[in-house]
Amino acid sequence: MKFITGFLFVASLVALSTQSTPVEKCKDGPLPKDVRVDGCTETPCALIRGTNATAEWDFSISKDTNVLTPRVHATVLGETVTYPFPQKNACSTLKNSKCPLEAGEDVTYQLNMPVLKHYPKIPLTIEFAFLDDKENVVVCFALPAKVADK
């Protein structure tokens, strides 16, 4: 009986950790098939200062590409700025594939992004996009969020 109870508890934790996060469509590019932001099943997602935001998203490749160049914008108080995302090629953190990528291939990207302690506690929208080697948008979504303390 203890084994079954333990198994059901672990299974429910796994199910909770893999629940989808709602996201919004960008002006350009298709939405991912699924987005999972750790600890976020409804928006705005809390981004806790002094931690790393972790997420995964699943999407399909529409055209062959050798790279996935991240494009990250943050909209704060009505102003949109380019976020200096440190990763230059997202291929290095794909979960189930590697570049070059072929049209029709399904891939999962793993995000690990620091939320610095000095970030102000404000609401924002973060737009994540990947561009192919011809600078076409492969996938794009916007995530309503708020920077917060624990």
N, C-alpha and C. Protein backbone atom coordinates (compact mmCIF):
# COMPACT_ATOMS: atom_id res chain seq x y z
N MET A 1 0.82 -1.20 0.00
CA MET A 1 0.00 0.00 0.00
C MET A 1 0.86 1.26 0.00
N LYS A 2 1.96 1.25 0.81
CA LYS A 2 2.85 2.40 0.85
C LYS A 2 3.47 2.64 -0.52
N PHE A 3 3.82 1.55 -1.21
CA PHE A 3 4.42 1.68 -2.54
C PHE A 3 3.45 2.36 -3.50
N ILE A 4 2.19 1.95 -3.50
CA ILE A 4 1.19 2.53 -4.40
C ILE A 4 0.99 4.01 -4.07
N THR A 5 0.89 4.34 -2.77
CA THR A 5 0.72 5.73 -2.37
C THR A 5 1.92 6.56 -2.82
N GLY A 6 3.12 6.03 -2.61
CA GLY A 6 4.33 6.74 -3.03
C GLY A 6 4.39 6.92 -4.53
N PHE A 7 4.01 5.87 -5.26
CA PHE A 7 4.01 5.95 -6.72
C PHE A 7 3.04 7.01 -7.21
N LEU A 8 1.83 7.03 -6.63
CA LEU A 8 0.83 8.02 -7.04
C LEU A 8 1.29 9.43 -6.71
N PHE A 9 1.97 9.62 -5.59
CA PHE A 9 2.49 10.94 -5.22
C PHE A 9 3.54 11.40 -6.22
N VAL A 10 4.49 10.54 -6.55
CA VAL A 10 5.53 10.89 -7.52
C VAL A 10 4.92 11.15 -8.89
N ALA A 11 3.96 10.33 -9.30
CA ALA A 11 3.31 10.52 -10.60
C ALA A 11 2.59 11.86 -10.66
N SER A 12 1.95 12.26 -9.57
CA SER A 12 1.26 13.55 -9.57
C SER A 12 2.24 14.70 -9.62
N LEU A 13 3.40 14.58 -8.97
CA LEU A 13 4.43 15.62 -9.06
C LEU A 13 4.96 15.75 -10.48
N VAL A 14 5.19 14.64 -11.14
CA VAL A 14 5.66 14.66 -12.53
C VAL A 14 4.61 15.32 -13.41
N ALA A 15 3.36 14.96 -13.22
CA ALA A 15 2.29 15.55 -14.03
C ALA A 15 2.21 17.06 -13.81
N LEU A 16 2.33 17.51 -12.57
CA LEU A 16 2.29 18.93 -12.28
C LEU A 16 3.47 19.66 -12.89
N SER A 17 4.65 19.04 -12.90
CA SER A 17 5.84 19.71 -13.40
C SER A 17 5.86 19.79 -14.92
N THR A 18 5.02 19.02 -15.59
CA THR A 18 5.04 19.03 -17.05
C THR A 18 3.78 19.65 -17.65
N GLN A 19 3.02 20.40 -16.85
CA GLN A 19 1.82 21.03 -17.36
C GLN A 19 2.18 22.18 -18.27
N SER A 20 1.35 22.41 -19.25
CA SER A 20 1.58 23.47 -20.21
C SER A 20 1.40 24.84 -19.57
N THR A 21 2.12 25.80 -20.13
CA THR A 21 2.00 27.20 -19.74
C THR A 21 1.33 27.94 -20.89
N PRO A 22 0.29 28.72 -20.63
CA PRO A 22 -0.35 29.47 -21.72
C PRO A 22 0.58 30.57 -22.21
N VAL A 23 0.63 30.75 -23.53
CA VAL A 23 1.46 31.79 -24.13
C VAL A 23 0.63 32.52 -25.18
N GLU A 24 1.14 33.67 -25.63
CA GLU A 24 0.45 34.47 -26.63
C GLU A 24 1.19 34.41 -27.96
N LYS A 25 0.47 34.64 -29.03
CA LYS A 25 1.03 34.63 -30.38
C LYS A 25 1.85 35.90 -30.63
N CYS A 26 2.92 35.76 -31.39
CA CYS A 26 3.73 36.89 -31.83
C CYS A 26 3.13 37.45 -33.12
N LYS A 27 3.66 38.59 -33.54
CA LYS A 27 3.24 39.16 -34.83
C LYS A 27 3.77 38.33 -35.99
N ASP A 28 4.91 37.68 -35.78
CA ASP A 28 5.50 36.88 -36.84
C ASP A 28 5.86 35.49 -36.31
N GLY A 29 5.71 34.50 -37.15
CA GLY A 29 6.12 33.16 -36.80
C GLY A 29 5.05 32.33 -36.12
N PRO A 30 5.17 31.02 -36.27
CA PRO A 30 4.19 30.11 -35.67
C PRO A 30 4.45 29.91 -34.18
N LEU A 31 3.38 29.60 -33.46
CA LEU A 31 3.48 29.24 -32.05
C LEU A 31 4.12 27.87 -31.89
N PRO A 32 4.78 27.62 -30.76
CA PRO A 32 5.24 26.26 -30.49
C PRO A 32 4.05 25.34 -30.24
N LYS A 33 4.31 24.04 -30.33
CA LYS A 33 3.27 23.05 -30.03
C LYS A 33 2.91 23.08 -28.55
N ASP A 34 3.91 23.30 -27.70
CA ASP A 34 3.69 23.31 -26.26
C ASP A 34 4.83 24.08 -25.59
N VAL A 35 4.48 24.79 -24.52
CA VAL A 35 5.47 25.51 -23.70
C VAL A 35 5.24 25.10 -22.25
N ARG A 36 6.35 24.80 -21.56
CA ARG A 36 6.26 24.43 -20.16
C ARG A 36 7.30 25.26 -19.39
N VAL A 37 6.81 26.23 -18.62
CA VAL A 37 7.67 27.03 -17.76
C VAL A 37 7.57 26.43 -16.37
N ASP A 38 8.69 26.06 -15.80
CA ASP A 38 8.66 25.43 -14.48
C ASP A 38 7.96 26.32 -13.47
N GLY A 39 6.98 25.74 -12.77
CA GLY A 39 6.25 26.45 -11.74
C GLY A 39 5.19 27.40 -12.25
N CYS A 40 4.85 27.33 -13.54
CA CYS A 40 3.88 28.29 -14.09
C CYS A 40 2.86 27.58 -14.96
N THR A 41 1.62 27.54 -14.47
CA THR A 41 0.53 26.97 -15.26
C THR A 41 -0.49 28.03 -15.65
N GLU A 42 -0.29 29.26 -15.18
CA GLU A 42 -1.14 30.38 -15.59
C GLU A 42 -0.29 31.64 -15.58
N THR A 43 -0.66 32.59 -16.43
CA THR A 43 0.13 33.81 -16.53
C THR A 43 -0.53 34.92 -15.72
N PRO A 44 0.28 35.89 -15.27
CA PRO A 44 1.70 36.03 -15.56
C PRO A 44 2.55 35.06 -14.74
N CYS A 45 3.60 34.56 -15.36
CA CYS A 45 4.53 33.66 -14.68
C CYS A 45 5.43 34.48 -13.75
N ALA A 46 5.65 33.97 -12.56
CA ALA A 46 6.54 34.64 -11.62
C ALA A 46 7.98 34.26 -11.93
N LEU A 47 8.80 35.26 -12.19
CA LEU A 47 10.24 35.07 -12.39
C LEU A 47 10.92 35.54 -11.11
N ILE A 48 11.46 34.61 -10.36
CA ILE A 48 11.97 34.89 -9.02
C ILE A 48 13.41 35.42 -9.10
N ARG A 49 13.61 36.63 -8.57
CA ARG A 49 14.94 37.24 -8.60
C ARG A 49 15.96 36.36 -7.87
N GLY A 50 17.15 36.29 -8.45
CA GLY A 50 18.23 35.51 -7.86
C GLY A 50 18.16 34.02 -8.18
N THR A 51 17.28 33.63 -9.11
CA THR A 51 17.16 32.22 -9.51
C THR A 51 17.30 32.13 -11.03
N ASN A 52 17.22 30.94 -11.54
CA ASN A 52 17.19 30.71 -12.98
C ASN A 52 15.78 30.33 -13.39
N ALA A 53 15.27 30.99 -14.41
CA ALA A 53 14.00 30.59 -15.00
C ALA A 53 14.29 29.42 -15.93
N THR A 54 13.53 28.35 -15.78
CA THR A 54 13.73 27.17 -16.62
C THR A 54 12.43 26.85 -17.34
N ALA A 55 12.58 26.42 -18.59
CA ALA A 55 11.41 26.12 -19.40
C ALA A 55 11.81 25.20 -20.55
N GLU A 56 10.82 24.64 -21.19
CA GLU A 56 11.00 23.86 -22.42
C GLU A 56 9.88 24.23 -23.36
N TRP A 57 10.16 24.19 -24.66
CA TRP A 57 9.10 24.29 -25.64
C TRP A 57 9.36 23.39 -26.81
N ASP A 58 8.26 22.83 -27.32
CA ASP A 58 8.28 21.88 -28.43
C ASP A 58 7.80 22.59 -29.69
N PHE A 59 8.50 22.37 -30.79
CA PHE A 59 8.09 22.98 -32.06
C PHE A 59 8.62 22.15 -33.21
N SER A 60 8.10 22.45 -34.39
CA SER A 60 8.51 21.75 -35.60
C SER A 60 9.33 22.68 -36.48
N ILE A 61 10.25 22.09 -37.20
CA ILE A 61 11.08 22.82 -38.15
C ILE A 61 10.37 22.82 -39.50
N SER A 62 10.14 24.01 -40.07
CA SER A 62 9.43 24.08 -41.35
C SER A 62 10.37 24.02 -42.56
N LYS A 63 11.62 24.47 -42.37
CA LYS A 63 12.61 24.44 -43.45
C LYS A 63 13.95 24.01 -42.87
N ASP A 64 14.76 23.35 -43.68
CA ASP A 64 16.09 22.95 -43.23
C ASP A 64 16.85 24.17 -42.71
N THR A 65 17.61 23.98 -41.63
CA THR A 65 18.44 25.06 -41.10
C THR A 65 19.66 24.49 -40.38
N ASN A 66 20.72 25.26 -40.40
CA ASN A 66 21.95 24.87 -39.70
C ASN A 66 22.04 25.48 -38.31
N VAL A 67 21.25 26.53 -38.04
CA VAL A 67 21.30 27.23 -36.76
C VAL A 67 19.90 27.60 -36.31
N LEU A 68 19.79 27.90 -35.03
CA LEU A 68 18.59 28.51 -34.44
C LEU A 68 19.09 29.71 -33.65
N THR A 69 18.93 30.88 -34.21
CA THR A 69 19.40 32.09 -33.56
C THR A 69 18.30 32.66 -32.68
N PRO A 70 18.55 32.78 -31.36
CA PRO A 70 17.52 33.33 -30.48
C PRO A 70 17.33 34.83 -30.70
N ARG A 71 16.07 35.24 -30.62
CA ARG A 71 15.70 36.66 -30.61
C ARG A 71 14.77 36.83 -29.42
N VAL A 72 15.18 37.65 -28.46
CA VAL A 72 14.40 37.83 -27.24
C VAL A 72 14.13 39.32 -27.05
N HIS A 73 12.84 39.66 -26.93
CA HIS A 73 12.42 41.03 -26.66
C HIS A 73 11.67 41.06 -25.33
N ALA A 74 11.84 42.14 -24.60
CA ALA A 74 11.09 42.35 -23.37
C ALA A 74 10.29 43.64 -23.51
N THR A 75 9.01 43.57 -23.19
CA THR A 75 8.17 44.77 -23.20
C THR A 75 7.83 45.11 -21.76
N VAL A 76 8.28 46.31 -21.36
CA VAL A 76 8.11 46.79 -19.99
C VAL A 76 7.55 48.20 -20.05
N LEU A 77 6.45 48.43 -19.36
CA LEU A 77 5.83 49.76 -19.31
C LEU A 77 5.62 50.34 -20.70
N GLY A 78 5.21 49.48 -21.65
CA GLY A 78 4.91 49.92 -23.01
C GLY A 78 6.10 50.07 -23.93
N GLU A 79 7.30 49.86 -23.43
CA GLU A 79 8.52 49.96 -24.25
C GLU A 79 9.09 48.57 -24.51
N THR A 80 9.42 48.31 -25.77
CA THR A 80 10.00 47.01 -26.13
C THR A 80 11.49 47.19 -26.40
N VAL A 81 12.29 46.35 -25.75
CA VAL A 81 13.73 46.39 -25.93
C VAL A 81 14.23 44.98 -26.25
N THR A 82 15.36 44.92 -26.93
CA THR A 82 16.00 43.63 -27.19
C THR A 82 16.73 43.19 -25.94
N TYR A 83 16.45 41.99 -25.50
CA TYR A 83 17.13 41.42 -24.34
C TYR A 83 18.43 40.79 -24.83
N PRO A 84 19.56 41.13 -24.20
CA PRO A 84 20.84 40.58 -24.64
C PRO A 84 21.00 39.12 -24.24
N PHE A 85 20.32 38.26 -24.96
CA PHE A 85 20.34 36.83 -24.66
C PHE A 85 21.75 36.29 -24.92
N PRO A 86 22.38 35.67 -23.94
CA PRO A 86 23.78 35.26 -24.09
C PRO A 86 24.02 34.13 -25.10
N GLN A 87 23.03 33.31 -25.32
CA GLN A 87 23.19 32.18 -26.23
C GLN A 87 23.04 32.64 -27.67
N LYS A 88 24.02 32.36 -28.49
CA LYS A 88 24.00 32.80 -29.90
C LYS A 88 23.39 31.77 -30.83
N ASN A 89 23.42 30.50 -30.44
CA ASN A 89 22.84 29.43 -31.25
C ASN A 89 22.13 28.45 -30.32
N ALA A 90 20.81 28.40 -30.42
CA ALA A 90 20.01 27.56 -29.53
C ALA A 90 20.18 26.08 -29.79
N CYS A 91 20.87 25.72 -30.85
CA CYS A 91 21.08 24.30 -31.15
C CYS A 91 21.81 23.58 -30.03
N SER A 92 22.62 24.31 -29.27
CA SER A 92 23.41 23.68 -28.22
C SER A 92 22.57 23.20 -27.04
N THR A 93 21.35 23.68 -26.90
CA THR A 93 20.52 23.24 -25.78
C THR A 93 19.19 22.61 -26.24
N LEU A 94 19.20 22.01 -27.41
CA LEU A 94 18.05 21.21 -27.82
C LEU A 94 18.08 19.91 -27.03
N LYS A 95 16.92 19.47 -26.61
CA LYS A 95 16.83 18.29 -25.76
C LYS A 95 16.92 16.98 -26.54
N ASN A 96 16.33 16.94 -27.73
CA ASN A 96 16.19 15.67 -28.44
C ASN A 96 16.74 15.70 -29.86
N SER A 97 17.57 16.70 -30.17
CA SER A 97 18.08 16.81 -31.53
C SER A 97 19.33 17.67 -31.53
N LYS A 98 19.93 17.82 -32.70
CA LYS A 98 21.06 18.73 -32.84
C LYS A 98 21.06 19.26 -34.27
N CYS A 99 21.71 20.35 -34.47
CA CYS A 99 21.78 20.96 -35.80
C CYS A 99 22.84 20.26 -36.63
N PRO A 100 22.65 20.21 -37.94
CA PRO A 100 21.59 20.83 -38.73
C PRO A 100 20.25 20.13 -38.51
N LEU A 101 19.18 20.92 -38.70
CA LEU A 101 17.81 20.43 -38.52
C LEU A 101 17.13 20.35 -39.87
N GLU A 102 16.27 19.35 -40.03
CA GLU A 102 15.58 19.13 -41.30
C GLU A 102 14.11 19.50 -41.19
N ALA A 103 13.55 19.95 -42.30
CA ALA A 103 12.12 20.29 -42.35
C ALA A 103 11.30 19.10 -41.86
N GLY A 104 10.29 19.39 -41.03
CA GLY A 104 9.43 18.34 -40.49
C GLY A 104 9.92 17.76 -39.18
N GLU A 105 11.12 18.10 -38.77
CA GLU A 105 11.68 17.57 -37.53
C GLU A 105 11.02 18.24 -36.33
N ASP A 106 10.68 17.45 -35.32
CA ASP A 106 10.12 17.97 -34.07
C ASP A 106 11.26 18.08 -33.05
N VAL A 107 11.38 19.24 -32.41
CA VAL A 107 12.46 19.46 -31.46
C VAL A 107 11.93 20.07 -30.17
N THR A 108 12.71 19.93 -29.12
CA THR A 108 12.41 20.52 -27.82
C THR A 108 13.61 21.33 -27.38
N TYR A 109 13.36 22.59 -27.05
CA TYR A 109 14.40 23.49 -26.57
C TYR A 109 14.32 23.58 -25.06
N GLN A 110 15.48 23.64 -24.40
CA GLN A 110 15.56 23.80 -22.95
C GLN A 110 16.13 25.17 -22.62
N LEU A 111 15.38 25.95 -21.87
CA LEU A 111 15.81 27.29 -21.46
C LEU A 111 16.28 27.27 -20.02
N ASN A 112 17.40 27.93 -19.76
CA ASN A 112 17.89 28.16 -18.42
C ASN A 112 18.40 29.59 -18.42
N MET A 113 17.59 30.53 -17.90
CA MET A 113 17.90 31.95 -18.01
C MET A 113 17.95 32.58 -16.62
N PRO A 114 19.06 33.26 -16.29
CA PRO A 114 19.14 33.89 -14.97
C PRO A 114 18.18 35.06 -14.83
N VAL A 115 17.58 35.15 -13.65
CA VAL A 115 16.76 36.30 -13.27
C VAL A 115 17.57 37.02 -12.19
N LEU A 116 18.24 38.07 -12.60
CA LEU A 116 19.20 38.73 -11.71
C LEU A 116 18.51 39.44 -10.55
N LYS A 117 19.22 39.50 -9.41
CA LYS A 117 18.66 40.09 -8.19
C LYS A 117 18.33 41.57 -8.36
N HIS A 118 19.03 42.25 -9.25
CA HIS A 118 18.79 43.69 -9.39
C HIS A 118 17.65 44.03 -10.36
N TYR A 119 17.04 43.02 -10.98
CA TYR A 119 15.90 43.30 -11.86
C TYR A 119 14.77 43.90 -11.02
N PRO A 120 14.13 44.95 -11.53
CA PRO A 120 13.02 45.55 -10.76
C PRO A 120 11.80 44.61 -10.74
N LYS A 121 11.04 44.69 -9.67
CA LYS A 121 9.84 43.86 -9.51
C LYS A 121 8.70 44.52 -10.27
N ILE A 122 8.58 44.15 -11.55
CA ILE A 122 7.56 44.75 -12.42
C ILE A 122 7.00 43.70 -13.36
N PRO A 123 5.80 43.94 -13.89
CA PRO A 123 5.27 43.04 -14.92
C PRO A 123 5.95 43.32 -16.26
N LEU A 124 6.05 42.30 -17.09
CA LEU A 124 6.64 42.44 -18.41
C LEU A 124 6.14 41.32 -19.30
N THR A 125 6.37 41.47 -20.58
CA THR A 125 6.09 40.39 -21.53
C THR A 125 7.40 40.08 -22.23
N ILE A 126 7.75 38.80 -22.24
CA ILE A 126 8.97 38.36 -22.90
C ILE A 126 8.59 37.62 -24.16
N GLU A 127 9.17 38.02 -25.28
CA GLU A 127 8.91 37.36 -26.55
C GLU A 127 10.15 36.57 -26.95
N PHE A 128 9.98 35.27 -27.09
CA PHE A 128 11.05 34.36 -27.51
C PHE A 128 10.81 33.95 -28.96
N ALA A 129 11.85 34.05 -29.78
CA ALA A 129 11.76 33.58 -31.16
C ALA A 129 13.08 32.93 -31.54
N PHE A 130 13.01 31.99 -32.46
CA PHE A 130 14.20 31.41 -33.07
C PHE A 130 14.17 31.71 -34.55
N LEU A 131 15.31 32.13 -35.09
CA LEU A 131 15.46 32.40 -36.51
C LEU A 131 16.32 31.33 -37.14
N ASP A 132 16.00 30.97 -38.39
CA ASP A 132 16.81 29.97 -39.09
C ASP A 132 18.03 30.66 -39.73
N ASP A 133 18.78 29.92 -40.52
CA ASP A 133 20.00 30.47 -41.10
C ASP A 133 19.74 31.49 -42.21
N LYS A 134 18.47 31.67 -42.59
CA LYS A 134 18.09 32.72 -43.56
C LYS A 134 17.32 33.85 -42.86
N GLU A 135 17.35 33.84 -41.52
CA GLU A 135 16.70 34.82 -40.65
C GLU A 135 15.18 34.82 -40.74
N ASN A 136 14.60 33.67 -41.12
CA ASN A 136 13.16 33.48 -41.06
C ASN A 136 12.79 33.00 -39.66
N VAL A 137 11.63 33.43 -39.16
CA VAL A 137 11.19 33.01 -37.83
C VAL A 137 10.71 31.56 -37.90
N VAL A 138 11.32 30.72 -37.09
CA VAL A 138 10.97 29.30 -37.01
C VAL A 138 9.83 29.08 -36.02
N VAL A 139 9.89 29.78 -34.89
CA VAL A 139 8.89 29.67 -33.84
C VAL A 139 8.93 30.96 -33.03
N CYS A 140 7.78 31.35 -32.47
CA CYS A 140 7.74 32.59 -31.68
C CYS A 140 6.55 32.55 -30.73
N PHE A 141 6.75 33.05 -29.52
CA PHE A 141 5.66 33.21 -28.57
C PHE A 141 5.99 34.31 -27.58
N ALA A 142 4.96 34.86 -26.97
CA ALA A 142 5.11 35.88 -25.95
C ALA A 142 4.61 35.33 -24.62
N LEU A 143 5.35 35.62 -23.57
CA LEU A 143 5.03 35.11 -22.23
C LEU A 143 4.82 36.27 -21.26
N PRO A 144 3.59 36.49 -20.81
CA PRO A 144 3.36 37.48 -19.76
C PRO A 144 4.01 36.99 -18.46
N ALA A 145 4.75 37.88 -17.79
CA ALA A 145 5.47 37.48 -16.59
C ALA A 145 5.55 38.66 -15.63
N LYS A 146 6.06 38.38 -14.46
CA LYS A 146 6.34 39.42 -13.47
C LYS A 146 7.58 39.01 -12.70
N VAL A 147 8.45 39.97 -12.47
CA VAL A 147 9.63 39.72 -11.66
C VAL A 147 9.21 39.87 -10.21
N ALA A 148 9.61 38.91 -9.39
CA ALA A 148 9.15 38.89 -8.00
C ALA A 148 10.23 38.33 -7.09
N ASP A 149 10.02 38.50 -5.79
CA ASP A 149 10.86 37.84 -4.78
C ASP A 149 10.14 36.57 -4.35
N LYS A 150 10.89 35.68 -3.71
CA LYS A 150 10.30 34.41 -3.23
C LYS A 150 9.12 34.65 -2.34
